[in-house]
Protein backbone atom coordinates (compact mmCIF):
# COMPACT_ATOMS: atom_id res chain seq x y z
CA UNK A 1 202.94 145.50 37.16
CA UNK A 2 206.61 144.77 37.09
CA UNK A 3 205.90 141.11 37.79
CA UNK A 4 203.32 140.86 35.04
CA UNK A 5 205.52 142.71 32.55
CA UNK A 6 208.42 140.36 33.23
CA UNK A 7 206.15 137.36 32.80
CA UNK A 8 204.87 138.90 29.56
CA UNK A 9 208.42 139.33 28.31
CA UNK A 10 209.14 135.72 29.21
CA UNK A 11 206.06 134.64 27.29
CA UNK A 12 207.19 136.72 24.32
CA UNK A 13 210.63 135.14 24.42
CA UNK A 14 209.08 131.70 24.55
CA UNK A 15 206.80 132.60 21.66
CA UNK A 16 209.75 133.85 19.63
CA UNK A 17 211.69 130.69 20.38
CA UNK A 18 208.71 128.57 19.42
CA UNK A 19 208.25 130.55 16.22
CA UNK A 20 211.85 129.92 15.27
CA UNK A 21 211.46 126.29 16.17
CA UNK A 22 208.23 126.05 14.15
CA UNK A 23 209.91 127.54 11.13
CA UNK A 24 212.88 125.19 11.40
CA UNK A 25 211.08 121.97 12.30
CA UNK A 26 207.61 122.30 10.83
CA UNK A 27 207.98 118.94 9.11
CA UNK A 28 209.10 117.27 12.32
CA UNK A 29 205.89 118.39 14.01
CA UNK A 30 202.95 116.57 12.49
CA UNK A 31 201.07 119.75 11.70
CA UNK A 32 200.01 121.31 8.43
CA UNK A 33 201.31 124.61 7.12
CA UNK A 34 197.98 126.29 7.89
CA UNK A 35 198.26 125.32 11.56
CA UNK A 36 201.82 126.59 11.66
CA UNK A 37 200.84 129.92 10.10
CA UNK A 38 197.85 130.23 12.42
CA UNK A 39 200.13 129.51 15.38
CA UNK A 40 202.58 132.22 14.34
CA UNK A 41 199.78 134.72 13.66
CA UNK A 42 197.57 134.28 16.74
CA UNK A 43 199.03 134.55 20.24
CA UNK A 44 196.21 132.73 22.09
CA UNK A 45 196.44 129.77 19.74
CA UNK A 46 200.16 129.75 20.26
CA UNK A 47 199.77 129.78 24.01
CA UNK A 48 197.47 126.78 23.72
CA UNK A 49 199.95 125.00 21.48
CA UNK A 50 202.94 125.86 23.67
CA UNK A 51 202.63 122.87 26.03
CA UNK A 52 202.52 120.52 23.07
CA UNK A 53 205.42 122.28 21.37
CA UNK A 54 207.37 122.39 24.60
CA UNK A 55 206.94 118.64 25.05
CA UNK A 56 207.98 118.13 21.49
CA UNK A 57 211.07 120.28 22.03
CA UNK A 58 211.96 118.23 25.08
CA UNK A 59 211.56 115.02 23.10
CA UNK A 60 213.72 116.38 20.31
CA UNK A 61 216.38 117.50 22.78
CA UNK A 62 216.33 114.11 24.49
CA UNK A 63 216.67 112.36 21.15
CA UNK A 64 219.53 114.64 20.19
CA UNK A 65 221.24 114.04 23.53
CA UNK A 66 220.83 110.28 23.16
CA UNK A 67 222.17 110.49 19.64
CA UNK A 68 225.16 112.53 20.83
CA UNK A 69 225.82 110.09 23.66
CA UNK A 70 225.71 107.17 21.22
CA UNK A 71 228.09 108.97 18.89
CA UNK A 72 230.44 109.69 21.77
CA UNK A 73 230.31 106.05 22.85
CA UNK A 74 230.97 104.94 19.29
CA UNK A 75 233.86 107.37 19.06
CA UNK A 76 235.26 106.07 22.34
CA UNK A 77 235.14 102.46 21.18
CA UNK A 78 237.42 102.91 18.15
CA UNK A 79 239.90 104.76 20.34
CA UNK A 80 239.92 101.87 22.79
CA UNK A 81 240.43 99.45 19.92
CA UNK A 82 243.27 101.57 18.62
CA UNK A 83 244.86 101.60 22.05
CA UNK A 84 244.57 97.83 22.24
CA UNK A 85 246.13 97.52 18.80
CA UNK A 86 248.95 99.81 19.85
CA UNK A 87 249.52 97.75 22.98
CA UNK A 88 249.61 94.59 20.88
CA UNK A 89 252.09 96.22 18.53
CA UNK A 90 254.23 97.27 21.48
CA UNK A 91 254.11 93.72 22.80
CA UNK A 92 255.16 92.43 19.38
CA UNK A 93 257.99 94.93 19.32
CA UNK A 94 259.06 93.82 22.78
CA UNK A 95 259.00 90.21 21.63
CA UNK A 96 261.10 91.13 18.62
CA UNK A 97 263.56 92.93 20.87
CA UNK A 98 263.73 89.90 23.13
CA UNK A 99 264.37 87.69 20.10
CA UNK A 100 267.10 90.05 18.94
CA UNK A 101 268.65 89.99 22.40
CA UNK A 102 268.56 86.20 22.38
CA UNK A 103 270.21 86.16 18.97
CA UNK A 104 272.88 88.55 20.19
CA UNK A 105 273.48 86.39 23.25
CA UNK A 106 273.79 83.32 21.04
CA UNK A 107 276.25 85.15 18.81
CA UNK A 108 278.27 86.19 21.83
CA UNK A 109 278.32 82.60 23.06
CA UNK A 110 279.54 81.46 19.64
CA UNK A 111 282.24 84.10 19.65
CA UNK A 112 283.32 83.09 23.13
CA UNK A 113 283.43 79.44 22.07
CA UNK A 114 285.45 80.37 19.00
CA UNK A 115 287.88 82.36 21.12
CA UNK A 116 288.15 79.47 23.56
CA UNK A 117 288.87 77.04 20.73
CA UNK A 118 291.49 79.38 19.30
CA UNK A 119 293.15 79.65 22.69
CA UNK A 120 293.20 75.85 22.99
CA UNK A 121 294.71 75.56 19.52
CA UNK A 122 297.37 78.13 20.37
CA UNK A 123 298.14 76.26 23.58
CA UNK A 124 298.48 72.98 21.69
CA UNK A 125 300.79 74.65 19.18
CA UNK A 126 302.94 75.95 22.02
CA UNK A 127 303.12 72.45 23.52
CA UNK A 128 304.14 71.00 20.16
CA UNK A 129 306.85 73.62 19.78
CA UNK A 130 308.14 72.86 23.27
CA UNK A 131 308.20 69.12 22.51
CA UNK A 132 310.12 69.73 19.29
CA UNK A 133 312.65 71.85 21.16
CA UNK A 134 313.07 69.11 23.75
CA UNK A 135 313.54 66.49 21.01
CA UNK A 136 316.10 68.70 19.30
CA UNK A 137 317.95 69.18 22.56
CA UNK A 138 318.10 65.44 23.29
CA UNK A 139 319.27 64.72 19.75
CA UNK A 140 322.03 67.27 20.08
CA UNK A 141 322.98 65.99 23.50
CA UNK A 142 322.95 62.37 22.30
CA UNK A 143 325.15 62.98 19.28
CA UNK A 144 327.54 65.27 21.02
CA UNK A 145 330.90 63.63 21.72
CA UNK A 146 333.87 65.37 23.28
CA UNK A 147 336.41 63.18 21.46
């Protein structure tokens, strides 16, 4: 008896689940309201209809799963696109940084050239000053007379 009572309780649970499902998705099942009410009222009718309803539930669940999977795939795709866009932006930023580094290097080269030119100019000025001093010395020496 315990086995039959447990199977009866299982049947009752299934019937309750089907009743809830019938109430929620009566339009999805191609059945009229009179069939739905007859199914909820009479247990033998419901037991006969259970295989059909069970198949229908499975179909609905499969459709829902497929729909969820598609949604998940669609959600994954935008994320991948966003990641690609971010990578492209990072690459652009890296390129900009490289350009900035190149500009800085060019500026440093210019500064070094400027410093080098200044040093050359200073060196030339020193040479000119030395030449003037030498000329002054020779002029003084040439004009100097002990008498």
